[in-house]
Amino acid sequence: MFVESMINITVKLSIDLRCYRPSLKINESMSIAVPDDTTLLELLTNILQIPAHAVAIPIVNGEKCKLEQSLKKDDQVAFWPPMGGG
């Protein structure tokens, strides 16, 4: 039997995305165990169940990246929505 290897990551959502996790307090992050090599897109849509169009800026360990990036043990992930201005 194949047992999938799990890794722990930490996820922080911007205040605008906390509507998908209303139990999170402002500036609170959550620890999540995910399968090794889970991509940011898989984390976002399959695990967190946040639509990809709701996120404009994915960040891993303080660096902006693409949703295709695979996660590694102890990664610090943050998601930011599209920003408006003017």
N, C-alpha and C. Protein backbone atom coordinates (compact mmCIF):
# COMPACT_ATOMS: atom_id res chain seq x y z
N MET A 1 0.84 -1.17 0.00
CA MET A 1 0.00 0.00 0.00
C MET A 1 0.89 1.24 0.00
N PHE A 2 0.53 2.22 -0.84
CA PHE A 2 1.28 3.47 -0.94
C PHE A 2 0.74 4.47 0.08
N VAL A 3 1.64 5.01 0.90
CA VAL A 3 1.24 6.04 1.87
C VAL A 3 1.86 7.35 1.42
N GLU A 4 1.01 8.33 1.18
CA GLU A 4 1.47 9.62 0.70
C GLU A 4 2.19 10.37 1.81
N SER A 5 3.34 10.94 1.48
CA SER A 5 4.12 11.72 2.43
C SER A 5 3.47 13.08 2.63
N MET A 6 3.30 13.48 3.87
CA MET A 6 2.68 14.77 4.18
C MET A 6 3.73 15.74 4.71
N ILE A 7 3.51 17.02 4.43
CA ILE A 7 4.38 18.08 4.94
C ILE A 7 3.51 19.11 5.64
N ASN A 8 4.09 19.84 6.56
CA ASN A 8 3.39 20.92 7.25
C ASN A 8 3.79 22.25 6.63
N ILE A 9 2.78 23.08 6.39
CA ILE A 9 3.01 24.43 5.89
C ILE A 9 2.18 25.39 6.75
N THR A 10 2.46 26.66 6.62
CA THR A 10 1.68 27.69 7.31
C THR A 10 1.07 28.60 6.26
N VAL A 11 -0.22 28.89 6.40
CA VAL A 11 -0.94 29.72 5.44
C VAL A 11 -1.50 30.95 6.14
N LYS A 12 -1.32 32.08 5.49
CA LYS A 12 -1.90 33.33 5.98
C LYS A 12 -2.73 33.92 4.84
N LEU A 13 -3.95 34.32 5.17
CA LEU A 13 -4.84 34.92 4.19
C LEU A 13 -4.97 36.41 4.46
N SER A 14 -5.03 37.20 3.39
CA SER A 14 -5.28 38.63 3.57
C SER A 14 -6.67 38.80 4.16
N ILE A 15 -6.93 39.95 4.71
CA ILE A 15 -8.22 40.21 5.35
C ILE A 15 -9.38 40.00 4.36
N ASP A 16 -9.17 40.32 3.09
CA ASP A 16 -10.21 40.16 2.08
C ASP A 16 -10.52 38.70 1.77
N LEU A 17 -9.57 37.82 2.01
CA LEU A 17 -9.78 36.39 1.73
C LEU A 17 -10.23 35.61 2.97
N ARG A 18 -10.25 36.25 4.12
CA ARG A 18 -10.66 35.54 5.33
C ARG A 18 -12.14 35.17 5.31
N CYS A 19 -12.90 35.71 4.36
CA CYS A 19 -14.30 35.30 4.24
C CYS A 19 -14.41 33.81 3.94
N TYR A 20 -13.33 33.23 3.40
CA TYR A 20 -13.30 31.78 3.13
C TYR A 20 -12.93 30.98 4.39
N ARG A 21 -12.41 31.65 5.39
CA ARG A 21 -12.07 31.04 6.68
C ARG A 21 -12.47 32.02 7.78
N PRO A 22 -13.77 32.21 8.02
CA PRO A 22 -14.22 33.23 8.96
C PRO A 22 -13.76 33.01 10.39
N SER A 23 -13.33 31.81 10.73
CA SER A 23 -12.86 31.57 12.10
C SER A 23 -11.47 32.16 12.35
N LEU A 24 -10.74 32.52 11.28
CA LEU A 24 -9.41 33.11 11.45
C LEU A 24 -9.53 34.54 11.95
N LYS A 25 -8.72 34.86 12.93
CA LYS A 25 -8.66 36.23 13.43
C LYS A 25 -7.69 37.03 12.55
N ILE A 26 -7.76 38.35 12.64
CA ILE A 26 -6.85 39.21 11.88
C ILE A 26 -5.41 38.84 12.25
N ASN A 27 -4.58 38.71 11.23
CA ASN A 27 -3.16 38.35 11.35
C ASN A 27 -2.92 36.94 11.85
N GLU A 28 -3.95 36.12 11.96
CA GLU A 28 -3.77 34.73 12.39
C GLU A 28 -3.44 33.87 11.17
N SER A 29 -2.52 32.95 11.34
CA SER A 29 -2.18 32.01 10.28
C SER A 29 -2.65 30.62 10.70
N MET A 30 -2.67 29.71 9.74
CA MET A 30 -3.08 28.35 10.05
C MET A 30 -2.04 27.36 9.56
N SER A 31 -1.81 26.35 10.38
CA SER A 31 -0.91 25.27 9.99
C SER A 31 -1.74 24.19 9.32
N ILE A 32 -1.23 23.69 8.21
CA ILE A 32 -1.94 22.68 7.43
C ILE A 32 -0.95 21.59 7.02
N ALA A 33 -1.38 20.35 7.09
CA ALA A 33 -0.61 19.23 6.55
C ALA A 33 -1.15 18.94 5.15
N VAL A 34 -0.26 18.95 4.17
CA VAL A 34 -0.63 18.70 2.78
C VAL A 34 0.29 17.63 2.20
N PRO A 35 -0.15 16.95 1.15
CA PRO A 35 0.76 15.99 0.50
C PRO A 35 2.00 16.70 -0.04
N ASP A 36 3.14 16.03 0.07
CA ASP A 36 4.40 16.56 -0.45
C ASP A 36 4.22 16.90 -1.93
N ASP A 37 4.78 18.00 -2.37
CA ASP A 37 4.71 18.49 -3.75
C ASP A 37 3.34 18.99 -4.18
N THR A 38 2.47 19.29 -3.22
CA THR A 38 1.21 19.96 -3.53
C THR A 38 1.56 21.32 -4.14
N THR A 39 0.86 21.71 -5.19
CA THR A 39 1.10 23.03 -5.78
C THR A 39 0.25 24.07 -5.05
N LEU A 40 0.62 25.32 -5.24
CA LEU A 40 -0.18 26.41 -4.66
C LEU A 40 -1.61 26.37 -5.18
N LEU A 41 -1.78 26.07 -6.46
CA LEU A 41 -3.12 25.99 -7.03
C LEU A 41 -3.94 24.88 -6.37
N GLU A 42 -3.33 23.73 -6.15
CA GLU A 42 -4.03 22.63 -5.47
C GLU A 42 -4.38 23.02 -4.04
N LEU A 43 -3.46 23.66 -3.36
CA LEU A 43 -3.73 24.13 -2.00
C LEU A 43 -4.91 25.10 -2.01
N LEU A 44 -4.87 26.03 -2.90
CA LEU A 44 -5.89 27.08 -2.96
C LEU A 44 -7.26 26.50 -3.29
N THR A 45 -7.36 25.75 -4.37
CA THR A 45 -8.68 25.31 -4.85
C THR A 45 -9.17 24.02 -4.21
N ASN A 46 -8.30 23.04 -4.03
CA ASN A 46 -8.74 21.74 -3.51
C ASN A 46 -8.79 21.69 -2.00
N ILE A 47 -7.82 22.29 -1.34
CA ILE A 47 -7.72 22.18 0.12
C ILE A 47 -8.42 23.34 0.81
N LEU A 48 -8.08 24.57 0.43
CA LEU A 48 -8.69 25.74 1.06
C LEU A 48 -10.05 26.08 0.44
N GLN A 49 -10.31 25.57 -0.75
CA GLN A 49 -11.55 25.82 -1.49
C GLN A 49 -11.81 27.31 -1.71
N ILE A 50 -10.74 27.97 -2.15
CA ILE A 50 -10.81 29.39 -2.53
C ILE A 50 -10.67 29.44 -4.04
N PRO A 51 -11.57 30.11 -4.75
CA PRO A 51 -11.44 30.17 -6.21
C PRO A 51 -10.15 30.88 -6.64
N ALA A 52 -9.50 30.34 -7.64
CA ALA A 52 -8.22 30.90 -8.10
C ALA A 52 -8.35 32.35 -8.52
N HIS A 53 -9.50 32.76 -9.06
CA HIS A 53 -9.67 34.14 -9.50
C HIS A 53 -9.70 35.12 -8.33
N ALA A 54 -9.85 34.62 -7.10
CA ALA A 54 -9.88 35.49 -5.92
C ALA A 54 -8.48 35.88 -5.46
N VAL A 55 -7.46 35.24 -6.04
CA VAL A 55 -6.07 35.50 -5.63
C VAL A 55 -5.29 36.07 -6.79
N ALA A 56 -4.62 37.19 -6.54
CA ALA A 56 -3.76 37.81 -7.56
C ALA A 56 -2.29 37.60 -7.25
N ILE A 57 -1.98 37.52 -5.96
CA ILE A 57 -0.57 37.44 -5.56
C ILE A 57 -0.37 36.28 -4.59
N PRO A 58 0.19 35.16 -5.06
CA PRO A 58 0.59 34.10 -4.15
C PRO A 58 2.04 34.34 -3.72
N ILE A 59 2.31 34.14 -2.45
CA ILE A 59 3.65 34.37 -1.89
C ILE A 59 4.08 33.14 -1.11
N VAL A 60 5.31 32.70 -1.35
CA VAL A 60 5.89 31.60 -0.58
C VAL A 60 7.21 32.07 0.00
N ASN A 61 7.31 31.98 1.31
CA ASN A 61 8.53 32.38 2.02
C ASN A 61 8.95 33.81 1.65
N GLY A 62 7.96 34.68 1.54
CA GLY A 62 8.23 36.10 1.31
C GLY A 62 8.47 36.48 -0.13
N GLU A 63 8.37 35.53 -1.07
CA GLU A 63 8.61 35.84 -2.48
C GLU A 63 7.38 35.53 -3.32
N LYS A 64 7.04 36.48 -4.19
CA LYS A 64 5.92 36.28 -5.11
C LYS A 64 6.26 35.12 -6.05
N CYS A 65 5.28 34.28 -6.33
CA CYS A 65 5.53 33.13 -7.18
C CYS A 65 4.30 32.80 -8.01
N LYS A 66 4.37 31.75 -8.78
CA LYS A 66 3.26 31.31 -9.62
C LYS A 66 2.48 30.21 -8.91
N LEU A 67 1.22 30.06 -9.27
CA LEU A 67 0.38 29.05 -8.64
C LEU A 67 0.83 27.62 -8.96
N GLU A 68 1.67 27.45 -9.96
CA GLU A 68 2.18 26.12 -10.31
C GLU A 68 3.30 25.65 -9.39
N GLN A 69 3.80 26.54 -8.53
CA GLN A 69 4.92 26.20 -7.65
C GLN A 69 4.52 25.10 -6.67
N SER A 70 5.41 24.12 -6.49
CA SER A 70 5.18 23.06 -5.52
C SER A 70 5.63 23.51 -4.13
N LEU A 71 4.90 23.05 -3.14
CA LEU A 71 5.21 23.41 -1.76
C LEU A 71 6.19 22.42 -1.15
N LYS A 72 6.98 22.92 -0.23
CA LYS A 72 7.96 22.10 0.49
C LYS A 72 7.72 22.25 2.00
N LYS A 73 8.28 21.35 2.76
CA LYS A 73 8.11 21.34 4.21
C LYS A 73 8.42 22.71 4.81
N ASP A 74 7.56 23.15 5.71
CA ASP A 74 7.71 24.39 6.47
C ASP A 74 7.58 25.67 5.65
N ASP A 75 7.08 25.57 4.42
CA ASP A 75 6.85 26.79 3.63
C ASP A 75 5.85 27.69 4.35
N GLN A 76 6.07 28.99 4.21
CA GLN A 76 5.16 30.01 4.71
C GLN A 76 4.44 30.59 3.49
N VAL A 77 3.13 30.40 3.42
CA VAL A 77 2.35 30.78 2.26
C VAL A 77 1.41 31.93 2.62
N ALA A 78 1.29 32.88 1.72
CA ALA A 78 0.31 33.97 1.89
C ALA A 78 -0.38 34.19 0.55
N PHE A 79 -1.65 34.52 0.62
CA PHE A 79 -2.43 34.82 -0.57
C PHE A 79 -3.02 36.21 -0.45
N TRP A 80 -2.91 36.98 -1.55
CA TRP A 80 -3.46 38.34 -1.58
C TRP A 80 -4.38 38.46 -2.79
N PRO A 81 -5.53 39.13 -2.60
CA PRO A 81 -6.49 39.28 -3.70
C PRO A 81 -6.05 40.38 -4.67
N PRO A 82 -6.78 40.48 -5.80
CA PRO A 82 -6.50 41.61 -6.70
C PRO A 82 -6.73 42.93 -5.95
N MET A 83 -5.89 43.88 -6.22
CA MET A 83 -6.00 45.18 -5.57
C MET A 83 -6.57 46.20 -6.56
N GLY A 84 -7.45 47.02 -6.06
CA GLY A 84 -7.99 48.10 -6.88
C GLY A 84 -7.41 49.42 -6.38
N GLY A 85 -7.45 50.38 -7.18
CA GLY A 85 -6.93 51.68 -6.74
C GLY A 85 -7.26 52.75 -7.76
N GLY A 86 -6.86 53.91 -7.38
CA GLY A 86 -7.10 54.96 -8.35
C GLY A 86 -7.26 56.30 -7.72
